[in-house]
Every structure is written in structure tokens, then in C-alpha cells.
N, C-alpha and C. Protein backbone atom coordinates (compact mmCIF):
# COMPACT_ATOMS: atom_id res chain seq x y z
N MET A 1 2.14 2.31 89.26
CA MET A 1 2.67 1.06 89.60
C MET A 1 2.29 0.55 88.03
N GLN A 2 1.15 -0.62 88.42
CA GLN A 2 1.66 -1.67 87.68
C GLN A 2 2.37 -1.39 85.83
N GLY A 3 1.80 -0.01 85.53
CA GLY A 3 2.12 0.60 84.13
C GLY A 3 3.72 -0.09 84.15
N LEU A 4 3.84 0.77 85.27
CA LEU A 4 5.79 1.06 85.15
C LEU A 4 6.38 -0.43 85.54
N ASP A 5 5.57 -1.01 85.47
CA ASP A 5 6.29 -2.39 85.55
C ASP A 5 6.22 -3.27 84.65
N ARG A 6 4.26 -2.76 83.96
CA ARG A 6 4.27 -3.85 82.66
C ARG A 6 5.49 -3.29 81.50
N MET A 7 6.09 -1.81 81.35
CA MET A 7 6.84 -1.54 80.75
C MET A 7 7.96 -1.94 81.05
N GLN A 8 8.36 -2.23 81.85
CA GLN A 8 10.06 -2.24 82.24
C GLN A 8 10.10 -4.68 82.16
N SER A 9 9.33 -5.22 81.44
CA SER A 9 9.05 -6.10 81.46
C SER A 9 8.97 -6.57 80.21
N THR A 10 8.53 -5.42 79.45
CA THR A 10 8.66 -5.28 78.12
C THR A 10 10.15 -5.20 77.86
N THR A 11 10.73 -4.35 78.65
CA THR A 11 11.83 -4.08 78.12
C THR A 11 12.62 -5.07 78.37
N VAL A 12 12.83 -5.54 79.23
CA VAL A 12 13.79 -7.27 79.84
C VAL A 12 13.01 -8.04 78.25
N GLN A 13 11.68 -8.60 78.03
CA GLN A 13 12.27 -8.99 76.71
C GLN A 13 12.77 -8.85 76.08
N MET A 14 12.23 -7.49 75.57
CA MET A 14 13.24 -6.84 74.24
C MET A 14 15.02 -7.23 74.59
N LEU A 15 15.47 -6.85 75.96
CA LEU A 15 16.58 -7.38 75.70
C LEU A 15 17.44 -8.36 75.00
N LEU A 16 16.16 -8.96 76.34
CA LEU A 16 16.25 -10.99 76.38
C LEU A 16 16.09 -11.54 74.83
N ALA A 17 15.72 -10.83 73.53
CA ALA A 17 15.15 -11.23 72.45
C ALA A 17 15.79 -10.82 71.68
N ALA A 18 16.37 -10.01 72.09
CA ALA A 18 17.74 -9.70 71.23
C ALA A 18 18.95 -9.88 71.20
N ARG A 19 19.55 -10.19 72.72
CA ARG A 19 20.85 -11.33 72.59
C ARG A 19 20.55 -12.41 72.09
N LEU A 20 18.61 -13.47 72.29
CA LEU A 20 19.26 -14.60 71.19
C LEU A 20 19.72 -14.24 70.44
N VAL A 21 18.67 -13.17 68.97
CA VAL A 21 18.98 -13.01 68.33
C VAL A 21 20.65 -12.54 67.85
N ALA A 22 21.05 -11.35 68.12
CA ALA A 22 22.66 -11.34 68.09
C ALA A 22 23.37 -12.37 68.53
N ASP A 23 22.69 -13.42 69.28
CA ASP A 23 24.00 -14.52 69.18
C ASP A 23 23.78 -15.62 68.33
N TYR A 24 22.73 -15.45 67.62
CA TYR A 24 22.46 -16.67 66.21
C TYR A 24 22.98 -15.85 65.49
N ALA A 25 22.69 -14.96 65.48
CA ALA A 25 23.67 -13.39 63.93
C ALA A 25 24.49 -13.82 64.08
N ARG A 26 25.54 -14.49 65.15
CA ARG A 26 26.24 -13.86 66.00
C ARG A 26 27.11 -15.36 65.34
N GLU A 27 26.29 -16.30 65.55
CA GLU A 27 26.92 -18.24 64.83
C GLU A 27 27.31 -18.28 63.82
N LEU A 28 26.14 -16.73 63.29
CA LEU A 28 26.59 -17.67 61.44
C LEU A 28 27.22 -16.84 60.55
N GLY A 29 27.93 -15.74 61.67
CA GLY A 29 28.92 -14.82 60.82
C GLY A 29 28.40 -13.67 60.52
N ALA A 30 27.15 -13.01 60.63
CA ALA A 30 26.89 -11.85 60.32
C ALA A 30 27.68 -10.55 60.86
N ASP A 31 28.68 -10.60 62.14
CA ASP A 31 29.95 -10.27 62.22
C ASP A 31 31.04 -9.58 62.00
N THR A 32 31.32 -11.01 60.84
CA THR A 32 32.44 -10.76 60.53
C THR A 32 32.66 -10.79 58.87
N GLU A 33 31.18 -11.25 58.51
CA GLU A 33 31.56 -11.20 57.61
C GLU A 33 31.21 -9.73 56.30
N ARG A 34 31.88 -9.52 55.03
CA ARG A 34 31.81 -7.81 54.04
C ARG A 34 30.30 -7.98 54.92
N GLN A 35 30.46 -6.58 55.28
CA GLN A 35 28.90 -6.34 55.25
C GLN A 35 28.05 -5.22 54.35
N GLU A 36 26.90 -5.14 53.62
CA GLU A 36 26.33 -4.11 52.97
C GLU A 36 25.23 -3.63 52.74
N THR A 37 24.86 -2.97 52.68
CA THR A 37 23.81 -2.15 52.70
C THR A 37 23.07 -1.75 51.85
N ARG A 38 21.33 -2.06 52.28
CA ARG A 38 20.89 -1.45 50.71
C ARG A 38 20.97 -0.38 50.84
N PRO A 39 20.53 -0.46 48.89
CA PRO A 39 20.97 1.23 48.24
C PRO A 39 20.39 2.56 48.25
N VAL A 40 21.48 3.77 48.83
CA VAL A 40 20.47 4.83 49.69
C VAL A 40 20.13 5.25 47.86
N TYR A 41 19.12 6.40 47.68
CA TYR A 41 19.42 7.34 46.33
C TYR A 41 19.52 8.13 46.20
N ASP A 42 19.53 9.12 45.30
CA ASP A 42 19.64 10.72 45.70
C ASP A 42 18.59 10.50 43.76
N HIS A 43 17.81 10.34 44.41
CA HIS A 43 17.41 9.90 43.03
C HIS A 43 14.73 9.70 43.58
N MET A 44 14.19 11.15 42.74
CA MET A 44 13.52 9.87 44.93
C MET A 44 12.30 9.16 43.68
N GLY A 45 12.19 9.50 42.14
CA GLY A 45 11.26 8.53 41.13
C GLY A 45 12.26 6.57 41.62
N ALA A 46 13.12 7.19 42.00
CA ALA A 46 13.89 5.44 42.22
C ALA A 46 13.24 4.95 43.45
N LEU A 47 13.82 6.03 44.26
CA LEU A 47 13.50 6.00 45.54
C LEU A 47 12.45 5.15 45.52
N LEU A 48 11.01 6.25 44.99
CA LEU A 48 9.58 6.08 45.77
C LEU A 48 8.81 4.40 44.91
N ALA A 49 9.89 4.05 43.37
CA ALA A 49 9.70 3.60 43.20
C ALA A 49 9.44 1.74 44.11
N ASP A 50 11.43 1.72 44.08
CA ASP A 50 11.89 0.29 45.15
C ASP A 50 10.57 0.43 46.22
N SER A 51 10.69 1.51 46.90
CA SER A 51 9.76 1.21 48.34
C SER A 51 7.72 0.36 48.02
N VAL A 52 7.28 1.61 46.55
CA VAL A 52 6.39 1.00 46.91
C VAL A 52 7.20 -0.64 46.08
N LEU A 53 7.23 -1.32 45.50
CA LEU A 53 7.38 -2.15 44.19
C LEU A 53 7.23 -3.63 45.39
N GLN A 54 8.75 -3.01 46.24
CA GLN A 54 9.20 -3.92 46.58
C GLN A 54 8.33 -4.90 47.79
N ALA A 55 7.27 -4.57 48.05
CA ALA A 55 6.68 -5.80 49.31
C ALA A 55 5.59 -6.56 48.67
N GLY A 56 5.88 -7.45 49.14
CA GLY A 56 5.54 -8.95 48.43
C GLY A 56 6.02 -9.08 46.62
N LEU A 57 7.60 -8.49 46.80
CA LEU A 57 7.88 -8.97 45.42
C LEU A 57 9.27 -9.97 45.55
N ASN A 58 9.30 -10.24 44.17
CA ASN A 58 10.99 -10.32 44.00
C ASN A 58 12.05 -9.85 43.61
N TYR A 59 12.76 -9.25 45.01
CA TYR A 59 13.52 -7.58 44.40
C TYR A 59 14.08 -8.02 43.27
N ASN A 60 15.59 -9.31 43.78
CA ASN A 60 16.25 -9.40 42.49
C ASN A 60 15.73 -8.88 41.38
N SER A 61 15.09 -9.62 40.88
CA SER A 61 14.47 -10.60 39.91
C SER A 61 12.81 -9.47 38.97
N VAL A 62 12.17 -8.86 39.97
CA VAL A 62 10.98 -7.96 39.31
C VAL A 62 11.59 -6.91 40.40
N VAL A 63 11.57 -6.30 41.29
CA VAL A 63 12.36 -4.85 41.39
C VAL A 63 13.07 -3.82 40.36
N ARG A 64 14.47 -4.22 41.05
CA ARG A 64 15.44 -4.25 40.74
C ARG A 64 16.01 -3.63 39.10
N PRO A 65 15.23 -4.84 38.13
CA PRO A 65 15.31 -4.11 37.00
C PRO A 65 14.85 -3.14 37.20
N ARG A 66 13.40 -3.01 37.27
CA ARG A 66 13.27 -1.68 37.40
C ARG A 66 13.61 -0.25 37.87
N VAL A 67 13.36 -0.64 39.09
CA VAL A 67 14.49 0.76 39.17
C VAL A 67 15.61 1.10 38.86
N GLU A 68 16.44 0.05 38.12
CA GLU A 68 17.52 0.48 37.36
C GLU A 68 17.44 1.21 36.25
N ALA A 69 15.88 1.16 35.37
CA ALA A 69 15.67 0.73 34.11
C ALA A 69 15.28 3.12 34.21
N ILE A 70 14.68 3.77 35.79
CA ILE A 70 13.77 3.90 36.20
C ILE A 70 15.81 5.50 36.15
N LEU A 71 16.41 4.64 37.20
CA LEU A 71 17.31 5.67 36.90
C LEU A 71 17.94 6.01 35.34
N ALA A 72 17.65 4.44 34.28
CA ALA A 72 18.55 4.92 33.34
C ALA A 72 17.79 6.05 32.35
N GLN A 73 16.16 5.80 32.47
CA GLN A 73 15.40 5.98 31.34
C GLN A 73 14.69 7.68 31.99
N PHE A 74 15.06 7.46 33.11
CA PHE A 74 14.60 9.17 33.29
C PHE A 74 15.24 9.90 34.60
N PRO A 75 15.99 9.87 34.29
CA PRO A 75 17.03 10.98 35.59
C PRO A 75 16.71 12.27 35.60
N GLU A 76 15.50 12.34 35.08
CA GLU A 76 15.34 14.12 35.47
C GLU A 76 14.59 14.03 36.17
N CYS A 77 13.59 13.10 36.35
CA CYS A 77 13.17 12.06 37.46
C CYS A 77 12.89 12.23 39.21
N ASP A 78 14.38 12.91 39.24
CA ASP A 78 15.21 12.58 40.50
C ASP A 78 13.87 13.72 41.41
N ARG A 79 13.16 14.29 41.28
CA ARG A 79 13.40 15.48 42.14
C ARG A 79 11.67 15.14 41.79
N THR A 80 10.46 15.68 42.97
CA THR A 80 8.84 15.57 43.71
C THR A 80 8.63 16.73 42.11
N SER A 81 9.08 17.47 41.70
CA SER A 81 8.26 18.91 41.03
C SER A 81 8.36 17.52 39.21
N GLU A 82 9.09 16.63 39.14
CA GLU A 82 9.25 16.02 38.03
C GLU A 82 8.64 14.97 38.28
N LEU A 83 8.53 14.61 39.05
CA LEU A 83 7.73 13.24 38.94
C LEU A 83 6.04 13.57 39.32
N LEU A 84 5.33 14.79 39.51
CA LEU A 84 4.12 15.07 39.42
C LEU A 84 3.59 15.48 37.71
N PRO A 85 4.34 15.54 37.17
CA PRO A 85 4.33 14.95 35.78
C PRO A 85 3.53 14.23 35.31
N VAL A 86 4.34 13.32 35.48
CA VAL A 86 4.10 11.70 35.03
C VAL A 86 2.49 10.97 35.13
N VAL A 87 2.62 11.59 36.61
CA VAL A 87 1.06 11.21 37.43
C VAL A 87 -0.24 11.98 37.41
N ILE A 88 0.31 13.28 36.93
CA ILE A 88 -1.05 13.82 36.39
C ILE A 88 -1.13 13.84 34.97
N ASP A 89 0.06 13.55 34.60
CA ASP A 89 -0.41 12.39 32.82
C ASP A 89 -1.07 11.25 32.59
N GLY A 90 -0.72 10.37 33.83
CA GLY A 90 -1.41 9.18 34.22
C GLY A 90 -0.41 7.65 33.14
N GLN A 91 0.88 8.87 33.54
CA GLN A 91 1.84 8.06 33.43
C GLN A 91 2.59 6.88 34.06
N ALA A 92 2.26 7.52 35.39
CA ALA A 92 2.87 6.21 36.33
C ALA A 92 3.20 4.37 36.05
N ALA A 93 2.40 3.42 35.06
CA ALA A 93 2.54 2.86 34.86
C ALA A 93 3.15 2.20 34.35
N THR A 94 3.83 2.76 33.25
CA THR A 94 4.82 2.93 32.54
C THR A 94 6.43 3.55 33.35
N PHE A 95 6.43 4.24 33.80
CA PHE A 95 7.35 5.09 34.65
C PHE A 95 7.45 4.03 35.18
N LEU A 96 6.81 2.63 36.13
CA LEU A 96 6.82 2.01 37.04
C LEU A 96 7.27 0.71 36.06
N ASN A 97 6.85 0.36 34.72
CA ASN A 97 6.70 -0.03 33.74
C ASN A 97 5.89 -1.63 34.92
N TRP A 98 5.01 -1.66 35.36
CA TRP A 98 3.97 -1.90 35.72
C TRP A 98 2.19 -1.57 36.23
N THR A 99 1.29 -2.85 36.23
CA THR A 99 0.26 -2.84 36.30
C THR A 99 -1.21 -2.43 37.13
N HIS A 100 -0.30 -3.41 38.07
CA HIS A 100 -1.51 -3.84 38.92
C HIS A 100 -2.15 -2.23 39.41
N SER A 101 -3.14 -1.68 39.47
CA SER A 101 -3.57 -0.47 40.44
C SER A 101 -3.19 0.20 41.29
N GLU A 102 -3.33 -1.13 42.14
CA GLU A 102 -3.00 -1.43 43.80
C GLU A 102 -1.82 -0.29 44.09
N LYS A 103 -0.19 -1.22 43.43
CA LYS A 103 0.93 -0.27 43.66
C LYS A 103 1.34 1.10 42.51
N ILE A 104 0.45 1.31 41.62
CA ILE A 104 0.50 2.19 40.78
C ILE A 104 -0.46 3.30 41.37
N GLY A 105 -1.41 3.43 42.11
CA GLY A 105 -1.81 4.22 42.66
C GLY A 105 -1.88 4.58 44.25
N ARG A 106 -0.86 3.61 44.79
CA ARG A 106 -0.53 4.31 46.42
C ARG A 106 1.64 4.86 45.70
N PHE A 107 1.67 4.84 44.28
CA PHE A 107 2.58 5.40 43.86
C PHE A 107 2.86 7.21 43.51
N GLU A 108 1.01 7.37 42.94
CA GLU A 108 0.90 8.88 42.64
C GLU A 108 0.57 9.08 43.80
N ALA A 109 -0.21 8.70 44.81
CA ALA A 109 -0.45 9.62 45.97
C ALA A 109 0.69 9.71 46.83
N LEU A 110 1.78 8.70 47.12
CA LEU A 110 3.21 9.23 47.87
C LEU A 110 3.53 10.48 46.82
N VAL A 111 3.85 10.28 45.60
CA VAL A 111 3.80 11.65 44.84
C VAL A 111 3.54 13.41 45.00
N ARG A 112 1.83 13.30 45.12
CA ARG A 112 1.02 13.69 45.56
C ARG A 112 0.92 14.14 46.39
N PHE A 113 1.18 13.69 48.10
CA PHE A 113 1.69 13.63 49.53
C PHE A 113 3.40 14.22 49.63
N LEU A 114 4.01 13.82 48.65
CA LEU A 114 4.81 14.66 48.81
C LEU A 114 5.08 15.87 48.92
N ASP A 115 4.75 16.46 47.27
CA ASP A 115 4.27 18.17 46.60
C ASP A 115 3.10 18.59 47.31
N CYS A 116 2.63 18.06 48.18
CA CYS A 116 1.64 18.66 48.99
C CYS A 116 1.93 19.55 50.09
N ASN A 117 3.47 18.48 50.42
CA ASN A 117 4.47 19.34 51.83
C ASN A 117 5.97 19.04 51.36
N ALA A 118 6.06 19.79 50.45
CA ALA A 118 6.68 20.69 50.06
C ALA A 118 8.25 19.47 50.29
N ILE A 119 8.75 18.78 49.58
CA ILE A 119 8.98 17.77 49.80
C ILE A 119 9.40 17.96 47.90
N GLU A 120 10.61 17.89 47.93
CA GLU A 120 11.40 17.94 46.87
C GLU A 120 12.50 17.30 47.11
N THR A 121 13.38 17.06 47.53
CA THR A 121 15.19 15.77 47.10
C THR A 121 15.12 14.94 48.07
N VAL A 122 14.90 14.32 47.77
CA VAL A 122 15.46 12.67 49.11
C VAL A 122 15.98 13.17 50.08
N SER A 123 16.42 14.16 50.08
CA SER A 123 17.74 14.75 51.70
C SER A 123 16.38 15.40 51.35
N ASP A 124 15.44 16.17 51.12
CA ASP A 124 13.70 16.96 52.02
C ASP A 124 13.65 15.43 52.52
N LEU A 125 13.70 14.79 51.97
CA LEU A 125 12.38 13.06 52.63
C LEU A 125 13.45 12.78 54.43
N GLY A 126 15.12 12.77 53.73
CA GLY A 126 15.82 12.42 54.69
C GLY A 126 15.49 12.99 56.77
N GLU A 127 15.31 15.23 55.91
CA GLU A 127 15.01 15.07 57.24
C GLU A 127 13.68 15.17 58.31
N GLU A 128 13.09 14.92 56.37
CA GLU A 128 11.53 14.83 57.44
C GLU A 128 11.06 13.70 58.20
N LEU A 129 11.74 12.31 57.22
CA LEU A 129 11.71 11.56 58.02
C LEU A 129 12.01 10.40 59.77
N ASN A 130 12.50 12.17 60.35
CA ASN A 130 13.49 11.40 61.19
C ASN A 130 12.19 13.24 62.28
N GLN A 131 10.95 13.42 61.69
CA GLN A 131 9.99 13.96 62.57
C GLN A 131 8.88 13.50 62.71
N PRO A 132 8.48 13.14 64.09
CA PRO A 132 6.91 12.50 64.02
C PRO A 132 6.06 13.02 63.79
N ARG A 133 5.80 14.19 63.13
CA ARG A 133 4.30 14.31 63.12
C ARG A 133 4.64 13.89 61.69
N PHE A 134 5.37 14.71 60.81
CA PHE A 134 5.71 14.23 59.06
C PHE A 134 5.33 12.55 58.80
N VAL A 135 5.99 12.16 60.30
CA VAL A 135 5.70 10.46 59.74
C VAL A 135 4.13 9.57 59.54
N GLU A 136 3.81 11.23 60.59
CA GLU A 136 2.17 10.73 60.81
C GLU A 136 1.36 10.41 60.03
N LEU A 137 1.79 11.39 59.63
CA LEU A 137 1.31 12.23 57.99
C LEU A 137 1.07 10.91 56.80
N LEU A 138 2.74 10.30 56.42
CA LEU A 138 2.78 10.14 55.92
C LEU A 138 2.42 8.86 55.89
N ARG A 139 2.10 8.20 57.43
CA ARG A 139 1.23 6.98 57.18
C ARG A 139 -0.20 7.21 57.29
N GLU A 140 -0.65 8.50 56.80
CA GLU A 140 -2.08 7.94 56.20
C GLU A 140 -2.55 8.02 55.03
N VAL A 141 -1.43 8.11 54.44
CA VAL A 141 -1.37 7.56 52.34
C VAL A 141 -2.02 5.86 52.57
N ARG A 142 -2.74 6.05 51.71
CA ARG A 142 -2.98 5.18 51.68
C ARG A 142 -2.20 3.62 51.45
N GLY A 143 -2.22 2.73 52.41
CA GLY A 143 -1.32 1.25 51.91
C GLY A 143 0.16 0.90 52.39
N VAL A 144 0.11 2.77 53.31
CA VAL A 144 1.70 3.01 54.44
C VAL A 144 1.80 2.75 55.26
N GLY A 145 2.79 1.58 55.32
CA GLY A 145 2.21 1.48 57.21
C GLY A 145 4.38 1.21 57.49
N PRO A 146 4.09 1.60 59.10
CA PRO A 146 5.27 2.01 59.97
C PRO A 146 6.51 1.23 58.55
N LYS A 147 6.21 -0.38 58.43
CA LYS A 147 7.79 -0.45 58.03
C LYS A 147 7.21 -0.50 56.56
N THR A 148 6.85 0.41 55.40
CA THR A 148 7.40 0.64 53.91
C THR A 148 7.55 1.87 54.37
N VAL A 149 6.74 2.63 55.80
CA VAL A 149 8.37 4.28 56.01
C VAL A 149 9.79 3.83 57.08
N ASP A 150 9.46 2.58 57.24
CA ASP A 150 11.25 3.17 58.27
C ASP A 150 11.64 1.97 56.57
N TYR A 151 11.53 1.46 55.74
CA TYR A 151 12.29 1.12 54.48
C TYR A 151 12.33 2.45 53.10
N MET A 152 11.76 3.51 53.74
CA MET A 152 12.42 4.49 53.24
C MET A 152 12.93 5.40 54.10
N GLY A 153 13.26 5.08 55.09
CA GLY A 153 14.62 5.19 56.01
C GLY A 153 15.58 4.86 55.30
N CYS A 154 15.46 3.60 55.31
CA CYS A 154 16.75 2.80 54.86
C CYS A 154 17.29 3.64 53.32
N LEU A 155 16.35 3.55 52.54
CA LEU A 155 16.93 4.00 51.31
C LEU A 155 17.36 5.67 51.30
N VAL A 156 16.70 6.22 52.30
CA VAL A 156 17.19 7.84 52.17
C VAL A 156 19.14 7.77 53.52
N GLY A 157 18.68 6.84 53.85
CA GLY A 157 20.39 6.59 54.51
C GLY A 157 20.19 6.38 56.38
N LEU A 158 18.99 6.63 56.45
CA LEU A 158 19.31 6.64 58.44
C LEU A 158 18.99 5.18 58.42
N ASP A 159 19.38 5.02 59.51
CA ASP A 159 20.26 3.86 60.56
C ASP A 159 19.13 3.42 61.00
N SER A 160 17.82 2.19 60.61
CA SER A 160 17.00 1.53 61.10
C SER A 160 16.90 0.14 60.76
N VAL A 161 15.58 -0.07 61.06
CA VAL A 161 15.17 -1.64 60.80
C VAL A 161 14.07 -1.65 60.14
N ALA A 162 13.81 -1.87 59.11
CA ALA A 162 12.24 -2.09 58.33
C ALA A 162 12.15 -3.84 59.27
N VAL A 163 10.68 -3.79 59.69
CA VAL A 163 10.87 -4.77 60.10
C VAL A 163 9.74 -6.03 58.74
N ASP A 164 10.30 -6.33 58.29
CA ASP A 164 9.30 -7.17 56.86
C ASP A 164 9.14 -8.39 56.90
N ARG A 165 9.27 -9.34 56.14
CA ARG A 165 8.36 -10.80 56.81
C ARG A 165 10.17 -11.62 56.77
N HIS A 166 10.90 -10.88 56.71
CA HIS A 166 12.20 -11.36 56.28
C HIS A 166 13.12 -11.59 58.52
N VAL A 167 12.43 -10.27 59.29
CA VAL A 167 13.42 -10.06 59.49
C VAL A 167 12.32 -11.41 61.10
N ARG A 168 11.07 -10.87 60.63
CA ARG A 168 9.85 -11.84 60.94
C ARG A 168 10.52 -13.59 61.69
N THR A 169 10.43 -14.07 60.28
CA THR A 169 11.85 -15.37 59.99
C THR A 169 12.73 -15.57 61.21
N PHE A 170 13.20 -14.62 60.88
CA PHE A 170 14.62 -14.81 61.84
C PHE A 170 14.62 -14.68 62.83
N ALA A 171 13.44 -14.32 63.78
CA ALA A 171 12.82 -13.85 65.02
C ALA A 171 12.72 -15.22 65.04
N ARG A 172 11.74 -15.83 64.31
CA ARG A 172 11.05 -16.82 65.05
C ARG A 172 11.71 -18.02 65.15
N ARG A 173 12.69 -18.02 64.12
CA ARG A 173 14.29 -19.06 64.03
C ARG A 173 14.76 -18.92 65.61
N VAL A 174 14.46 -18.15 66.04
CA VAL A 174 15.14 -18.49 67.89
C VAL A 174 14.38 -18.04 68.93
N GLY A 175 12.92 -18.04 68.72
CA GLY A 175 12.19 -18.04 69.95
C GLY A 175 11.30 -16.97 70.07
N VAL A 176 11.49 -16.18 68.95
CA VAL A 176 11.01 -14.80 69.85
C VAL A 176 9.72 -15.35 68.97
N ILE A 177 8.37 -15.20 69.59
CA ILE A 177 6.90 -15.01 69.05
C ILE A 177 6.44 -14.13 69.49
N ASN A 178 6.96 -12.88 69.42
CA ASN A 178 6.26 -11.49 70.45
C ASN A 178 6.17 -11.00 67.86
N GLU A 179 5.40 -10.80 67.51
CA GLU A 179 5.01 -10.14 66.36
C GLU A 179 4.48 -8.84 66.86
N ASP A 180 4.88 -8.40 67.56
CA ASP A 180 4.32 -6.62 66.88
C ASP A 180 5.03 -6.29 66.81
N TYR A 181 4.97 -4.96 65.63
CA TYR A 181 5.82 -4.35 64.33
C TYR A 181 7.23 -3.58 65.98
N ASP A 182 6.30 -2.98 66.67
CA ASP A 182 7.68 -2.08 67.38
C ASP A 182 8.42 -2.72 68.29
N PHE A 183 7.73 -3.60 68.97
CA PHE A 183 8.62 -4.96 69.33
C PHE A 183 10.06 -5.52 69.11
N LEU A 184 10.36 -6.07 67.53
CA LEU A 184 10.24 -6.71 66.57
C LEU A 184 11.77 -5.76 66.37
N LYS A 185 11.39 -4.82 66.13
CA LYS A 185 12.12 -3.34 65.51
C LYS A 185 13.22 -2.87 67.08
N SER A 186 12.32 -3.01 68.27
CA SER A 186 13.48 -2.84 69.00
C SER A 186 14.44 -3.51 69.02
N VAL A 187 13.90 -5.10 69.12
CA VAL A 187 14.96 -5.84 69.51
C VAL A 187 16.06 -6.14 68.06
N PHE A 188 15.53 -5.86 66.73
CA PHE A 188 16.73 -6.13 65.50
C PHE A 188 17.69 -5.34 66.21
N CYS A 189 17.27 -3.91 66.57
CA CYS A 189 17.95 -2.84 66.58
C CYS A 189 18.62 -2.71 67.53
N CYS A 190 18.55 -3.34 68.73
CA CYS A 190 18.96 -2.89 69.50
C CYS A 190 19.87 -4.69 69.46
N ALA A 191 19.79 -5.62 68.30
CA ALA A 191 20.61 -6.94 68.17
C ALA A 191 22.15 -6.72 67.60
N ALA A 192 21.66 -5.15 66.70
CA ALA A 192 22.57 -4.90 65.70
C ALA A 192 23.28 -4.04 66.43
N ASP A 193 22.89 -3.56 67.79
CA ASP A 193 24.53 -3.00 68.73
C ASP A 193 24.69 -3.40 69.85
N LEU A 194 24.80 -4.92 69.86
CA LEU A 194 24.77 -5.96 70.24
C LEU A 194 26.48 -6.64 69.52
N LEU A 195 25.68 -6.44 68.17
CA LEU A 195 26.99 -7.40 66.72
C LEU A 195 28.22 -6.46 66.72
N SER A 196 27.96 -4.92 66.82
CA SER A 196 28.91 -3.48 66.85
C SER A 196 29.09 -3.28 65.27
N LEU A 197 27.30 -3.76 64.61
CA LEU A 197 26.78 -3.38 62.87
C LEU A 197 26.12 -2.61 62.94
N SER A 198 26.02 -1.66 61.80
CA SER A 198 25.42 0.18 62.09
C SER A 198 23.63 -0.83 61.48
N ARG A 199 22.53 -0.59 61.97
CA ARG A 199 21.56 -0.96 61.86
C ARG A 199 21.08 -1.34 60.48
N ARG A 200 21.61 -0.13 59.71
CA ARG A 200 21.13 -0.83 58.11
C ARG A 200 22.13 -1.66 57.77
N GLN A 201 23.08 -2.00 58.32
CA GLN A 201 24.46 -3.42 57.78
C GLN A 201 23.13 -4.54 58.42
N PHE A 202 23.13 -5.06 59.97
CA PHE A 202 22.18 -5.00 60.21
C PHE A 202 20.71 -6.49 59.06
N ASP A 203 20.32 -5.15 59.06
CA ASP A 203 18.85 -4.73 57.84
C ASP A 203 19.00 -6.45 56.80
N ALA A 204 20.42 -4.95 56.46
CA ALA A 204 20.55 -5.63 54.56
C ALA A 204 20.99 -7.97 55.00
N TRP A 205 21.60 -7.93 55.57
CA TRP A 205 22.62 -9.16 56.33
C TRP A 205 21.02 -10.25 56.88
N VAL A 206 20.05 -9.68 57.15
CA VAL A 206 18.70 -10.72 57.85
C VAL A 206 18.27 -11.03 56.38
N TRP A 207 18.13 -9.95 55.64
CA TRP A 207 17.16 -9.57 54.24
C TRP A 207 18.58 -10.08 53.17
N ARG A 208 19.36 -10.31 53.12
CA ARG A 208 19.58 -11.07 52.47
C ARG A 208 20.48 -12.63 52.63
N ARG A 209 20.50 -13.36 54.16
CA ARG A 209 20.29 -14.25 53.94
C ARG A 209 18.30 -15.26 54.03
N GLU A 210 17.78 -14.38 54.23
CA GLU A 210 16.15 -14.95 54.43
C GLU A 210 16.02 -15.72 53.14
N SER A 211 16.48 -14.38 52.02
CA SER A 211 15.67 -14.24 50.68
C SER A 211 16.59 -15.41 50.63
N SER A 212 17.88 -15.20 50.20
CA SER A 212 18.26 -16.25 49.59
C SER A 212 17.89 -17.89 50.17
N LEU A 213 18.01 -18.09 51.61
CA LEU A 213 16.83 -19.45 51.96
C LEU A 213 16.01 -19.64 51.29
N SER A 214 14.88 -18.48 51.03
CA SER A 214 13.48 -18.66 50.80
C SER A 214 13.80 -19.28 49.02
N SER A 215 14.90 -19.00 48.35
CA SER A 215 14.93 -19.11 46.91
C SER A 215 15.13 -20.19 46.99
N HIS A 216 16.05 -20.95 47.85
CA HIS A 216 16.43 -22.06 47.42
C HIS A 216 15.69 -23.04 47.93
N GLN A 217 14.80 -23.30 49.27
CA GLN A 217 13.61 -23.71 49.10
C GLN A 217 12.58 -23.77 48.04
N ILE A 218 12.41 -22.64 47.00
CA ILE A 218 11.30 -22.13 45.99
C ILE A 218 12.65 -23.75 44.93
N GLU A 219 13.54 -23.52 45.12
CA GLU A 219 14.34 -24.68 43.77
C GLU A 219 14.03 -25.74 44.49
N PHE A 220 14.50 -26.67 45.53
CA PHE A 220 13.72 -27.37 46.24
C PHE A 220 12.92 -27.79 45.18
N SER A 221 11.77 -27.46 46.15
CA SER A 221 10.65 -27.83 45.77
C SER A 221 9.61 -28.46 44.55
N PHE A 222 10.56 -27.33 43.44
CA PHE A 222 9.80 -28.16 41.70
C PHE A 222 11.35 -29.34 41.28
């Protein structure tokens, strides 16, 4: 009985938090602005590069140009079997146009993981990301946590929210202090439903708003 009460209490807290988030977002025009979403790729190399590079970097100035370069320079690397030689030949750094070993290693590990699990195309990946066992295995790859998994889901077109620092900042603005990943994901997914927006649209709206505020704050500090 105590477990049930605790579960009901958490659900109520989530719904109340979702209402706070949705009401604040509505005040800011989230339900009336023309909504965009994160890109959906049909190119495995671009998707993995975006997923690996995005954490902790400025997307518009650092990540986007590299992903666009991959699409332009490596059109053939749209599937895992074409990425594997890049990894085997030690060309991942050149492919990503990146030198830090951590992100390069994560990219290589993801390519090998997808190859071992017979995930050849973005479409294959999208299907498997709906399978709990596959997600469990994917999260065993070093450096891949729930945010990366959900971010990859957004990039294959799944309707979800990736709880990044922008989502966490937005939550704090309305007084939501529970920082548990799954709790915040449920809150923002529910808030999107309350706003009659797709979860991908709301995820992208929060990201654009908070990243814009962050860049303005950096400019002001100088």
C-alpha cells in the first residue's frame, strides 16, 4: 500500500509540475508560435555525429557546421556498413572534424555497437529504439545515458523529449526542483500534450528559447 501511495504521490507531483510548465510556456507563446523540430536524418553518419558532438557544445557554431560537412562530403556514409571502415581505418577524427578523444571514442563505440547489433540504417535504429532491451544495451555503451538515447530518438523522428540543461533550466524557472531524469521527461511530455504540441516540437521550442537566452547572457557579460 505504501508503494502505491508513493506512486500516486509522484504522479500527482508530475501532473502539477506539467501544468506549471505548460502554463508558463503558453504565456511565452509556445502554443502560438510557428513550431520547428530537431532535424530528422536519413544518414547514419550525420545522426551519430550530431548525437556525439552535441553534449556541452554550441550547436549552431560547432555542431551544425560539422554535421552539414558530413552530409556534403560523405554522402555514402548513410549506413553503418559504410561507417565501419572509417572507424577501422582510424579516420573518425577526420570524419567528425574533431580532436578530443572522448567524443571520437564514443562515436567509434556506437558504430561498432550498431554493427554488432545489425543496425544498418536510420530506419532500423528508429525501430529498435522502441525496444526496451535494445535501449538497455545501448546505454551500456560508454558515455551513452538516457539523454543521448532520447536525443537519438528525436533525430530518427520519435516523438519524445531529451532532458538536457535547457529543459532543466526551464523547469527551475517555474519552481520544479525535482531533477530526476525520468520525472522531468514525463513532466515535459505531459506539458507538450497539454499544449497540444508534439513532444518533439515542444522539446525544440524549449531548446531554442533557452539557448537564445544563454547566448544573450554571454554577449551581455562581455
